[in-house]
Amino acid sequence: MSGKLKEKVTVQPQIEPCRHFWVIEVADGPLSGGSCKYCGAKKEFYNAFPEFNPLRKGANPFNLPKLTEVEAEEKEEDSKSLVPG
């Protein structure tokens, strides 16, 4: 024996976080369950965006944002083509 000891070093590989591939159940109510195809993680998903939901309490479809008024320039050619004759 040569008297030298060799030490075995084990390096654990870094585990990268899963890049989820969500498989979502068919919509039945406000939420649908989903699970990751790769790691099996589970999560619930909204079937509609809650901030844009017109059925939420206090929503009024007549409260639309005000649009700025724009004047259109009328061309002579366009107005002549609309007149029959």
Protein backbone atom coordinates (compact mmCIF):
# COMPACT_ATOMS: atom_id res chain seq x y z
CA MET A 1 0.00 0.00 0.00
CA SER A 2 1.15 3.46 -0.87
CA GLY A 3 -0.41 5.08 2.17
CA LYS A 4 -2.42 7.67 0.22
CA LEU A 5 -6.12 7.89 0.86
CA LYS A 6 -8.46 9.03 -1.83
CA GLU A 7 -11.53 10.81 -0.62
CA LYS A 8 -14.70 10.44 -2.64
CA VAL A 9 -16.60 13.71 -2.90
CA THR A 10 -20.25 13.51 -3.79
CA VAL A 11 -21.80 16.55 -5.36
CA GLN A 12 -25.55 16.69 -5.38
CA PRO A 13 -26.93 18.11 -8.61
CA GLN A 14 -28.97 21.27 -8.25
CA ILE A 15 -32.62 20.58 -8.79
CA GLU A 16 -34.16 23.09 -11.16
CA PRO A 17 -37.71 24.19 -10.41
CA CYS A 18 -40.37 22.54 -12.51
CA ARG A 19 -41.58 24.43 -15.55
CA HIS A 20 -45.18 23.45 -15.08
CA PHE A 21 -47.34 22.17 -17.89
CA TRP A 22 -50.81 22.65 -16.44
CA VAL A 23 -53.60 20.24 -17.34
CA ILE A 24 -56.80 22.07 -16.34
CA GLU A 25 -60.18 20.44 -15.80
CA VAL A 26 -63.23 21.43 -17.82
CA ALA A 27 -64.89 24.64 -16.56
CA ASP A 28 -67.68 23.92 -14.08
CA GLY A 29 -68.22 26.92 -11.82
CA PRO A 30 -65.94 29.84 -11.01
CA LEU A 31 -62.80 27.72 -10.43
CA SER A 32 -61.24 24.70 -12.14
CA GLY A 33 -58.62 22.43 -10.69
CA GLY A 34 -55.40 21.70 -12.50
CA SER A 35 -52.33 19.54 -12.05
CA CYS A 36 -48.84 19.69 -13.53
CA LYS A 37 -48.16 17.03 -16.14
CA TYR A 38 -44.54 16.68 -14.95
CA CYS A 39 -44.38 17.09 -11.16
CA GLY A 40 -48.02 16.55 -10.13
CA ALA A 41 -48.39 19.93 -8.38
CA LYS A 42 -52.00 21.01 -7.95
CA LYS A 43 -53.49 24.48 -8.36
CA GLU A 44 -56.89 26.13 -8.86
CA PHE A 45 -57.53 28.42 -11.82
CA TYR A 46 -60.20 31.08 -12.32
CA ASN A 47 -62.53 30.45 -15.25
CA ALA A 48 -62.97 34.22 -15.73
CA PHE A 49 -60.93 37.26 -14.81
CA PRO A 50 -62.44 38.47 -11.52
CA GLU A 51 -61.55 42.14 -12.11
CA PHE A 52 -63.41 42.17 -15.46
CA ASN A 53 -66.36 40.03 -14.42
CA PRO A 54 -69.56 41.89 -15.37
CA LEU A 55 -71.59 39.73 -12.97
CA ARG A 56 -69.73 40.84 -9.86
CA LYS A 57 -71.55 42.81 -7.19
CA GLY A 58 -71.86 46.50 -8.01
CA ALA A 59 -70.98 46.13 -11.69
CA ASN A 60 -72.83 48.51 -13.98
CA PRO A 61 -72.46 48.15 -17.75
CA PHE A 62 -73.43 51.81 -18.21
CA ASN A 63 -70.34 53.02 -16.33
CA LEU A 64 -68.00 52.98 -19.31
CA PRO A 65 -64.81 55.07 -19.45
CA LYS A 66 -65.20 58.48 -21.13
CA LEU A 67 -63.70 58.65 -24.59
CA THR A 68 -62.18 61.80 -25.97
CA GLU A 69 -64.12 63.42 -28.77
CA VAL A 70 -62.41 63.53 -32.13
CA GLU A 71 -63.54 65.59 -35.09
CA ALA A 72 -63.30 63.84 -38.43
CA GLU A 73 -62.17 65.76 -41.48
CA GLU A 74 -64.60 65.36 -44.35
CA LYS A 75 -63.11 65.14 -47.82
CA GLU A 76 -65.01 66.54 -50.80
CA GLU A 77 -64.53 63.31 -52.77
CA ASP A 78 -66.12 61.22 -50.03
CA SER A 79 -69.19 63.41 -49.68
CA LYS A 80 -69.79 63.44 -53.45
CA SER A 81 -69.69 59.65 -53.68
CA LEU A 82 -72.46 59.33 -51.07
CA VAL A 83 -74.89 61.60 -52.95
CA PRO A 84 -77.00 59.65 -55.47
CA GLY A 85 -77.19 61.02 -58.87
